[in-house]
């Protein structure tokens, strides 16, 4: 049975991560089936500007901050009482994907952001036993010299996060939006080996991006590096991409 401390941490992860996962999945759905690219850009940019402006007011105003924490406290971390909300970085990650990435890669980045971190966090809290530092210590005894925050995470959580990101890649690269319209009017669908390559590399990059120490929040790092690396990789292996 879970200890009270573990149950509290797990429940905290569930409420915040469930919101994280469902909101990101909803954004991907709206981007694919409801809004055109131009409409999506307007909506996500407007939402981002409004949230950033409101968050500045929240951090500077004790009254507003207290009101927000009263109603939204279960979805926020303790440090967010005095710092910008993770939701600001989350929207920045979504903005990057929708504004700049080809459609299939934007979908992969959005779903990776939505699924990877919640799954890795919740699974790591509930089932994580093998910390990466103990793995690294077998090869590198001086653990403190490991330049990765991954050392404090668990192998089980990282593995779960990888498979969630892998699933995001498979969904992105097998959807109808992944088909490229050829000059003769036919559709060029991604080949099985291309789907596997893009999904596996995307999963690995997402895990590394989350683990690597940076001033960036995970919600910004994960979609940025996943989207950028997959975009470059698609160019290298000559996969045609559609922006709209």
C-alpha atoms as a PDB file:
ATOM      1  CA  UNK A   1       0.000   0.000   0.000  1.00  0.00           C
ATOM      2  CA  UNK A   2       1.090   3.590  -0.628  1.00  0.00           C
ATOM      3  CA  UNK A   3       2.290   5.670   2.299  1.00  0.00           C
ATOM      4  CA  UNK A   4       0.364   8.838   3.125  1.00  0.00           C
ATOM      5  CA  UNK A   5       3.189  11.003   1.747  1.00  0.00           C
ATOM      6  CA  UNK A   6       3.328   9.017  -1.490  1.00  0.00           C
ATOM      7  CA  UNK A   7      -0.454   9.097  -1.843  1.00  0.00           C
ATOM      8  CA  UNK A   8      -0.463  12.875  -1.396  1.00  0.00           C
ATOM      9  CA  UNK A   9       2.261  13.364  -4.005  1.00  0.00           C
ATOM     10  CA  UNK A  10       0.530  10.954  -6.378  1.00  0.00           C
ATOM     11  CA  UNK A  11      -2.848  12.679  -5.991  1.00  0.00           C
ATOM     12  CA  UNK A  12      -1.175  16.053  -6.517  1.00  0.00           C
ATOM     13  CA  UNK A  13       0.376  14.754  -9.729  1.00  0.00           C
ATOM     14  CA  UNK A  14      -2.918  13.320 -10.918  1.00  0.00           C
ATOM     15  CA  UNK A  15      -4.957  16.515 -10.619  1.00  0.00           C
ATOM     16  CA  UNK A  16      -2.322  18.718 -12.240  1.00  0.00           C
ATOM     17  CA  UNK A  17      -1.164  16.202 -14.828  1.00  0.00           C
ATOM     18  CA  UNK A  18      -4.679  15.212 -15.867  1.00  0.00           C
ATOM     19  CA  UNK A  19      -5.424  18.861 -16.626  1.00  0.00           C
ATOM     20  CA  UNK A  20      -2.107  19.113 -18.488  1.00  0.00           C
ATOM     21  CA  UNK A  21      -2.844  16.036 -20.598  1.00  0.00           C
ATOM     22  CA  UNK A  22      -6.462  16.801 -21.452  1.00  0.00           C
ATOM     23  CA  UNK A  23      -5.860  20.456 -22.296  1.00  0.00           C
ATOM     24  CA  UNK A  24      -2.966  19.625 -24.628  1.00  0.00           C
ATOM     25  CA  UNK A  25      -4.929  16.859 -26.340  1.00  0.00           C
ATOM     26  CA  UNK A  26      -7.855  19.262 -26.782  1.00  0.00           C
ATOM     27  CA  UNK A  27      -5.552  21.840 -28.390  1.00  0.00           C
ATOM     28  CA  UNK A  28      -4.289  19.209 -30.836  1.00  0.00           C
ATOM     29  CA  UNK A  29      -7.869  18.220 -31.692  1.00  0.00           C
ATOM     30  CA  UNK A  30      -8.941  21.828 -32.278  1.00  0.00           C
ATOM     31  CA  UNK A  31      -5.822  22.464 -34.371  1.00  0.00           C
ATOM     32  CA  UNK A  32      -6.562  19.442 -36.557  1.00  0.00           C
ATOM     33  CA  UNK A  33     -10.325  19.424 -36.879  1.00  0.00           C
ATOM     34  CA  UNK A  34     -11.793  22.800 -35.933  1.00  0.00           C
ATOM     35  CA  UNK A  35      -9.481  25.702 -36.767  1.00  0.00           C
ATOM     36  CA  UNK A  36      -7.404  26.462 -39.835  1.00  0.00           C
ATOM     37  CA  UNK A  37      -3.732  27.304 -39.236  1.00  0.00           C
ATOM     38  CA  UNK A  38      -4.333  31.053 -39.361  1.00  0.00           C
ATOM     39  CA  UNK A  39      -7.223  30.789 -36.914  1.00  0.00           C
ATOM     40  CA  UNK A  40      -5.144  28.592 -34.612  1.00  0.00           C
ATOM     41  CA  UNK A  41      -2.324  31.154 -34.637  1.00  0.00           C
ATOM     42  CA  UNK A  42      -4.723  33.944 -33.674  1.00  0.00           C
ATOM     43  CA  UNK A  43      -6.377  31.923 -30.900  1.00  0.00           C
ATOM     44  CA  UNK A  44      -3.184  30.571 -29.310  1.00  0.00           C
ATOM     45  CA  UNK A  45      -1.355  33.923 -29.573  1.00  0.00           C
ATOM     46  CA  UNK A  46      -4.255  35.792 -28.011  1.00  0.00           C
ATOM     47  CA  UNK A  47      -4.524  33.230 -25.217  1.00  0.00           C
ATOM     48  CA  UNK A  48      -0.779  33.401 -24.598  1.00  0.00           C
ATOM     49  CA  UNK A  49      -0.670  37.204 -24.403  1.00  0.00           C
ATOM     50  CA  UNK A  50      -3.722  37.360 -22.124  1.00  0.00           C
ATOM     51  CA  UNK A  51      -2.367  34.666 -19.791  1.00  0.00           C
ATOM     52  CA  UNK A  52       1.083  36.257 -19.583  1.00  0.00           C
ATOM     53  CA  UNK A  53      -0.424  39.664 -18.836  1.00  0.00           C
ATOM     54  CA  UNK A  54      -2.730  38.190 -16.186  1.00  0.00           C
ATOM     55  CA  UNK A  55       0.118  36.183 -14.642  1.00  0.00           C
ATOM     56  CA  UNK A  56       2.233  39.316 -14.266  1.00  0.00           C
ATOM     57  CA  UNK A  57      -0.674  40.944 -12.404  1.00  0.00           C
ATOM     58  CA  UNK A  58      -1.170  37.796 -10.290  1.00  0.00           C
ATOM     59  CA  UNK A  59       2.461  37.655  -9.164  1.00  0.00           C
ATOM     60  CA  UNK A  60       2.508  41.365  -8.327  1.00  0.00           C
ATOM     61  CA  UNK A  61      -0.865  41.483  -6.553  1.00  0.00           C
ATOM     62  CA  UNK A  62      -1.302  39.582  -3.293  1.00  0.00           C
ATOM     63  CA  UNK A  63      -5.088  39.805  -3.516  1.00  0.00           C
ATOM     64  CA  UNK A  64      -5.265  38.425  -7.054  1.00  0.00           C
ATOM     65  CA  UNK A  65      -2.688  35.782  -6.231  1.00  0.00           C
ATOM     66  CA  UNK A  66      -4.622  34.637  -3.170  1.00  0.00           C
ATOM     67  CA  UNK A  67      -7.827  34.385  -5.219  1.00  0.00           C
ATOM     68  CA  UNK A  68      -6.132  32.365  -7.949  1.00  0.00           C
ATOM     69  CA  UNK A  69      -4.475  30.014  -5.458  1.00  0.00           C
ATOM     70  CA  UNK A  70      -7.807  29.475  -3.726  1.00  0.00           C
ATOM     71  CA  UNK A  71      -9.510  28.218  -6.874  1.00  0.00           C
ATOM     72  CA  UNK A  72      -6.575  26.910  -8.909  1.00  0.00           C
ATOM     73  CA  UNK A  73      -4.123  25.913  -6.205  1.00  0.00           C
ATOM     74  CA  UNK A  74      -4.556  22.175  -6.842  1.00  0.00           C
ATOM     75  CA  UNK A  75      -3.275  22.699 -10.387  1.00  0.00           C
ATOM     76  CA  UNK A  76      -0.226  24.734  -9.369  1.00  0.00           C
ATOM     77  CA  UNK A  77       3.064  23.993  -7.667  1.00  0.00           C
ATOM     78  CA  UNK A  78       4.101  25.660  -4.420  1.00  0.00           C
ATOM     79  CA  UNK A  79       6.773  27.790  -6.096  1.00  0.00           C
ATOM     80  CA  UNK A  80       4.187  29.206  -8.520  1.00  0.00           C
ATOM     81  CA  UNK A  81       2.756  31.340  -5.724  1.00  0.00           C
ATOM     82  CA  UNK A  82       5.621  33.777  -6.265  1.00  0.00           C
ATOM     83  CA  UNK A  83       6.810  32.824  -9.780  1.00  0.00           C
ATOM     84  CA  UNK A  84       5.250  32.712 -13.245  1.00  0.00           C
ATOM     85  CA  UNK A  85       2.828  29.838 -13.684  1.00  0.00           C
ATOM     86  CA  UNK A  86       3.913  26.754 -15.614  1.00  0.00           C
ATOM     87  CA  UNK A  87       0.843  27.341 -17.779  1.00  0.00           C
ATOM     88  CA  UNK A  88       2.597  30.366 -19.294  1.00  0.00           C
ATOM     89  CA  UNK A  89       5.448  28.148 -20.483  1.00  0.00           C
ATOM     90  CA  UNK A  90       2.909  25.550 -21.582  1.00  0.00           C
ATOM     91  CA  UNK A  91       1.239  28.093 -23.849  1.00  0.00           C
ATOM     92  CA  UNK A  92       4.628  29.252 -25.147  1.00  0.00           C
ATOM     93  CA  UNK A  93       5.358  25.640 -26.117  1.00  0.00           C
ATOM     94  CA  UNK A  94       2.027  25.389 -27.920  1.00  0.00           C
ATOM     95  CA  UNK A  95       2.613  28.735 -29.649  1.00  0.00           C
ATOM     96  CA  UNK A  96       5.995  27.567 -30.945  1.00  0.00           C
ATOM     97  CA  UNK A  97       4.449  24.429 -32.428  1.00  0.00           C
ATOM     98  CA  UNK A  98       1.434  26.118 -34.028  1.00  0.00           C
ATOM     99  CA  UNK A  99       3.252  29.198 -35.316  1.00  0.00           C
ATOM    100  CA  UNK A 100       6.387  27.653 -36.767  1.00  0.00           C
ATOM    101  CA  UNK A 101       6.276  23.877 -37.264  1.00  0.00           C
ATOM    102  CA  UNK A 102       4.973  21.876 -40.245  1.00  0.00           C
ATOM    103  CA  UNK A 103       1.596  20.405 -39.349  1.00  0.00           C
ATOM    104  CA  UNK A 104       2.583  16.791 -38.650  1.00  0.00           C
ATOM    105  CA  UNK A 105       5.547  17.873 -36.516  1.00  0.00           C
ATOM    106  CA  UNK A 106       3.420  20.452 -34.712  1.00  0.00           C
ATOM    107  CA  UNK A 107       0.968  17.684 -33.813  1.00  0.00           C
ATOM    108  CA  UNK A 108       3.826  15.483 -32.583  1.00  0.00           C
ATOM    109  CA  UNK A 109       5.256  18.307 -30.453  1.00  0.00           C
ATOM    110  CA  UNK A 110       1.856  19.203 -28.965  1.00  0.00           C
ATOM    111  CA  UNK A 111       0.933  15.606 -28.105  1.00  0.00           C
ATOM    112  CA  UNK A 112       4.414  14.916 -26.732  1.00  0.00           C
ATOM    113  CA  UNK A 113       4.056  17.947 -24.470  1.00  0.00           C
ATOM    114  CA  UNK A 114       0.559  16.850 -23.432  1.00  0.00           C
ATOM    115  CA  UNK A 115       1.331  13.183 -22.745  1.00  0.00           C
ATOM    116  CA  UNK A 116       5.011  12.728 -21.921  1.00  0.00           C
ATOM    117  CA  UNK A 117       5.510  14.805 -18.781  1.00  0.00           C
ATOM    118  CA  UNK A 118       2.218  13.799 -17.064  1.00  0.00           C
ATOM    119  CA  UNK A 119       2.808  10.098 -17.677  1.00  0.00           C
ATOM    120  CA  UNK A 120       6.468  10.255 -16.626  1.00  0.00           C
ATOM    121  CA  UNK A 121       5.674  12.251 -13.488  1.00  0.00           C
ATOM    122  CA  UNK A 122       2.721  10.176 -12.295  1.00  0.00           C
ATOM    123  CA  UNK A 123       4.358   6.836 -13.108  1.00  0.00           C
ATOM    124  CA  UNK A 124       7.640   7.889 -11.517  1.00  0.00           C
ATOM    125  CA  UNK A 125       5.941   8.972  -8.286  1.00  0.00           C
ATOM    126  CA  UNK A 126       3.846   5.809  -8.061  1.00  0.00           C
ATOM    127  CA  UNK A 127       6.223   3.127  -9.334  1.00  0.00           C
ATOM    128  CA  UNK A 128       9.665   4.745  -9.562  1.00  0.00           C
ATOM    129  CA  UNK A 129      12.304   2.873  -7.566  1.00  0.00           C
ATOM    130  CA  UNK A 130      15.504   3.006  -9.609  1.00  0.00           C
ATOM    131  CA  UNK A 131      16.972   6.495  -9.588  1.00  0.00           C
ATOM    132  CA  UNK A 132      19.212   7.312 -12.505  1.00  0.00           C
ATOM    133  CA  UNK A 133      21.997   8.349 -10.138  1.00  0.00           C
ATOM    134  CA  UNK A 134      22.253   4.748  -8.966  1.00  0.00           C
ATOM    135  CA  UNK A 135      22.565   3.649 -12.598  1.00  0.00           C
ATOM    136  CA  UNK A 136      25.148   6.311 -13.401  1.00  0.00           C
ATOM    137  CA  UNK A 137      27.096   5.512 -10.245  1.00  0.00           C
ATOM    138  CA  UNK A 138      27.934   2.104 -11.719  1.00  0.00           C
ATOM    139  CA  UNK A 139      29.848   3.868 -14.484  1.00  0.00           C
ATOM    140  CA  UNK A 140      30.547   7.275 -12.915  1.00  0.00           C
ATOM    141  CA  UNK A 141      31.100   7.090  -9.147  1.00  0.00           C
ATOM    142  CA  UNK A 142      31.085  10.880  -8.745  1.00  0.00           C
ATOM    143  CA  UNK A 143      27.351  11.375  -9.115  1.00  0.00           C
ATOM    144  CA  UNK A 144      27.451  15.069  -8.392  1.00  0.00           C
ATOM    145  CA  UNK A 145      29.411  15.623 -11.587  1.00  0.00           C
ATOM    146  CA  UNK A 146      26.600  14.325 -13.785  1.00  0.00           C
ATOM    147  CA  UNK A 147      25.409  17.436 -15.661  1.00  0.00           C
ATOM    148  CA  UNK A 148      21.808  16.215 -15.856  1.00  0.00           C
ATOM    149  CA  UNK A 149      18.798  16.678 -13.627  1.00  0.00           C
ATOM    150  CA  UNK A 150      17.945  13.182 -14.860  1.00  0.00           C
ATOM    151  CA  UNK A 151      20.116  11.853 -12.040  1.00  0.00           C
ATOM    152  CA  UNK A 152      17.356  12.628  -9.529  1.00  0.00           C
ATOM    153  CA  UNK A 153      14.626  11.073 -11.670  1.00  0.00           C
ATOM    154  CA  UNK A 154      13.720   7.408 -11.873  1.00  0.00           C
ATOM    155  CA  UNK A 155      14.314   4.980 -14.701  1.00  0.00           C
ATOM    156  CA  UNK A 156      10.697   3.838 -14.473  1.00  0.00           C
ATOM    157  CA  UNK A 157       9.346   7.376 -14.857  1.00  0.00           C
ATOM    158  CA  UNK A 158      11.648   8.151 -17.790  1.00  0.00           C
ATOM    159  CA  UNK A 159      10.716   4.893 -19.512  1.00  0.00           C
ATOM    160  CA  UNK A 160       7.007   5.650 -19.136  1.00  0.00           C
ATOM    161  CA  UNK A 161       7.581   9.150 -20.483  1.00  0.00           C
ATOM    162  CA  UNK A 162       9.465   7.763 -23.482  1.00  0.00           C
ATOM    163  CA  UNK A 163       6.625   5.418 -24.399  1.00  0.00           C
ATOM    164  CA  UNK A 164       4.100   8.243 -24.038  1.00  0.00           C
ATOM    165  CA  UNK A 165       6.192  10.405 -26.395  1.00  0.00           C
ATOM    166  CA  UNK A 166       6.587   7.420 -28.717  1.00  0.00           C
ATOM    167  CA  UNK A 167       2.798   7.054 -28.840  1.00  0.00           C
ATOM    168  CA  UNK A 168       2.487  10.766 -29.618  1.00  0.00           C
ATOM    169  CA  UNK A 169       4.851  10.316 -32.551  1.00  0.00           C
ATOM    170  CA  UNK A 170       2.963   7.309 -33.909  1.00  0.00           C
ATOM    171  CA  UNK A 171      -0.363   9.155 -33.689  1.00  0.00           C
ATOM    172  CA  UNK A 172       1.118  12.203 -35.414  1.00  0.00           C
ATOM    173  CA  UNK A 173       2.822  10.347 -38.256  1.00  0.00           C
ATOM    174  CA  UNK A 174      -0.050   7.985 -39.072  1.00  0.00           C
ATOM    175  CA  UNK A 175      -2.854  10.562 -39.227  1.00  0.00           C
ATOM    176  CA  UNK A 176      -4.275  11.901 -42.479  1.00  0.00           C
ATOM    177  CA  UNK A 177      -2.519  15.230 -41.819  1.00  0.00           C
ATOM    178  CA  UNK A 178       0.805  13.402 -42.321  1.00  0.00           C
ATOM    179  CA  UNK A 179       0.005  12.719 -45.988  1.00  0.00           C
ATOM    180  CA  UNK A 180       1.774  14.967 -48.485  1.00  0.00           C
ATOM    181  CA  UNK A 181      -0.063  16.004 -51.668  1.00  0.00           C
ATOM    182  CA  UNK A 182       2.112  15.235 -54.698  1.00  0.00           C
ATOM    183  CA  UNK A 183       2.069  17.332 -57.928  1.00  0.00           C
ATOM    184  CA  UNK A 184       0.145  14.597 -59.732  1.00  0.00           C
ATOM    185  CA  UNK A 185      -2.629  14.726 -57.122  1.00  0.00           C
ATOM    186  CA  UNK A 186      -1.675  11.520 -55.318  1.00  0.00           C
ATOM    187  CA  UNK A 187      -0.866  11.349 -51.617  1.00  0.00           C
ATOM    188  CA  UNK A 188       2.550  10.441 -50.296  1.00  0.00           C
ATOM    189  CA  UNK A 189       2.109   8.747 -46.907  1.00  0.00           C
ATOM    190  CA  UNK A 190       5.014   8.309 -44.444  1.00  0.00           C
ATOM    191  CA  UNK A 191       6.668   4.916 -44.812  1.00  0.00           C
ATOM    192  CA  UNK A 192       6.711   2.518 -41.816  1.00  0.00           C
ATOM    193  CA  UNK A 193      10.443   3.024 -41.261  1.00  0.00           C
ATOM    194  CA  UNK A 194       9.953   6.815 -41.333  1.00  0.00           C
ATOM    195  CA  UNK A 195       7.142   6.572 -38.781  1.00  0.00           C
ATOM    196  CA  UNK A 196       9.325   4.456 -36.495  1.00  0.00           C
ATOM    197  CA  UNK A 197      12.343   6.756 -36.928  1.00  0.00           C
ATOM    198  CA  UNK A 198      10.437   9.953 -36.199  1.00  0.00           C
ATOM    199  CA  UNK A 199       8.567   8.458 -33.249  1.00  0.00           C
ATOM    200  CA  UNK A 200      11.607   6.887 -31.581  1.00  0.00           C
ATOM    201  CA  UNK A 201      13.843   9.921 -32.069  1.00  0.00           C
ATOM    202  CA  UNK A 202      11.052  12.190 -30.862  1.00  0.00           C
ATOM    203  CA  UNK A 203      10.669  10.107 -27.707  1.00  0.00           C
ATOM    204  CA  UNK A 204      14.401  10.139 -26.979  1.00  0.00           C
ATOM    205  CA  UNK A 205      14.719  13.884 -27.564  1.00  0.00           C
ATOM    206  CA  UNK A 206      11.744  14.565 -25.291  1.00  0.00           C
ATOM    207  CA  UNK A 207      13.321  12.542 -22.447  1.00  0.00           C
ATOM    208  CA  UNK A 208      16.672  14.307 -22.881  1.00  0.00           C
ATOM    209  CA  UNK A 209      15.022  17.736 -23.120  1.00  0.00           C
ATOM    210  CA  UNK A 210      13.143  17.138 -19.872  1.00  0.00           C
ATOM    211  CA  UNK A 211      16.276  15.937 -18.101  1.00  0.00           C
ATOM    212  CA  UNK A 212      18.815  18.511 -19.275  1.00  0.00           C
ATOM    213  CA  UNK A 213      19.342  21.364 -16.775  1.00  0.00           C
ATOM    214  CA  UNK A 214      18.169  24.696 -18.145  1.00  0.00           C
ATOM    215  CA  UNK A 215      16.446  27.902 -17.094  1.00  0.00           C
ATOM    216  CA  UNK A 216      13.649  26.883 -19.456  1.00  0.00           C
ATOM    217  CA  UNK A 217      10.592  25.206 -18.005  1.00  0.00           C
ATOM    218  CA  UNK A 218       9.909  21.631 -19.209  1.00  0.00           C
ATOM    219  CA  UNK A 219       6.718  22.863 -20.860  1.00  0.00           C
ATOM    220  CA  UNK A 220       8.812  25.010 -23.185  1.00  0.00           C
ATOM    221  CA  UNK A 221      11.843  22.722 -23.578  1.00  0.00           C
ATOM    222  CA  UNK A 222      10.009  19.558 -24.577  1.00  0.00           C
ATOM    223  CA  UNK A 223       8.034  20.890 -27.593  1.00  0.00           C
ATOM    224  CA  UNK A 224      10.849  23.202 -28.710  1.00  0.00           C
ATOM    225  CA  UNK A 225      13.613  20.602 -28.917  1.00  0.00           C
ATOM    226  CA  UNK A 226      11.348  17.773 -30.055  1.00  0.00           C
ATOM    227  CA  UNK A 227       9.898  19.887 -32.839  1.00  0.00           C
ATOM    228  CA  UNK A 228      13.239  21.361 -33.911  1.00  0.00           C
ATOM    229  CA  UNK A 229      15.144  18.061 -34.027  1.00  0.00           C
ATOM    230  CA  UNK A 230      12.343  16.210 -35.837  1.00  0.00           C
ATOM    231  CA  UNK A 231      12.061  19.067 -38.349  1.00  0.00           C
ATOM    232  CA  UNK A 232      15.791  18.876 -39.123  1.00  0.00           C
ATOM    233  CA  UNK A 233      15.681  15.075 -39.268  1.00  0.00           C
ATOM    234  CA  UNK A 234      12.784  15.159 -41.748  1.00  0.00           C
ATOM    235  CA  UNK A 235      14.880  17.374 -44.007  1.00  0.00           C
ATOM    236  CA  UNK A 236      17.860  15.037 -43.762  1.00  0.00           C
ATOM    237  CA  UNK A 237      15.872  11.941 -44.742  1.00  0.00           C
ATOM    238  CA  UNK A 238      13.851  13.815 -47.382  1.00  0.00           C
ATOM    239  CA  UNK A 239      10.361  13.515 -45.923  1.00  0.00           C
ATOM    240  CA  UNK A 240       8.148  16.134 -47.605  1.00  0.00           C
ATOM    241  CA  UNK A 241       6.234  18.281 -45.132  1.00  0.00           C
ATOM    242  CA  UNK A 242       3.117  20.423 -45.323  1.00  0.00           C
ATOM    243  CA  UNK A 243       2.821  23.576 -43.232  1.00  0.00           C
ATOM    244  CA  UNK A 244      -0.889  24.264 -43.657  1.00  0.00           C
END
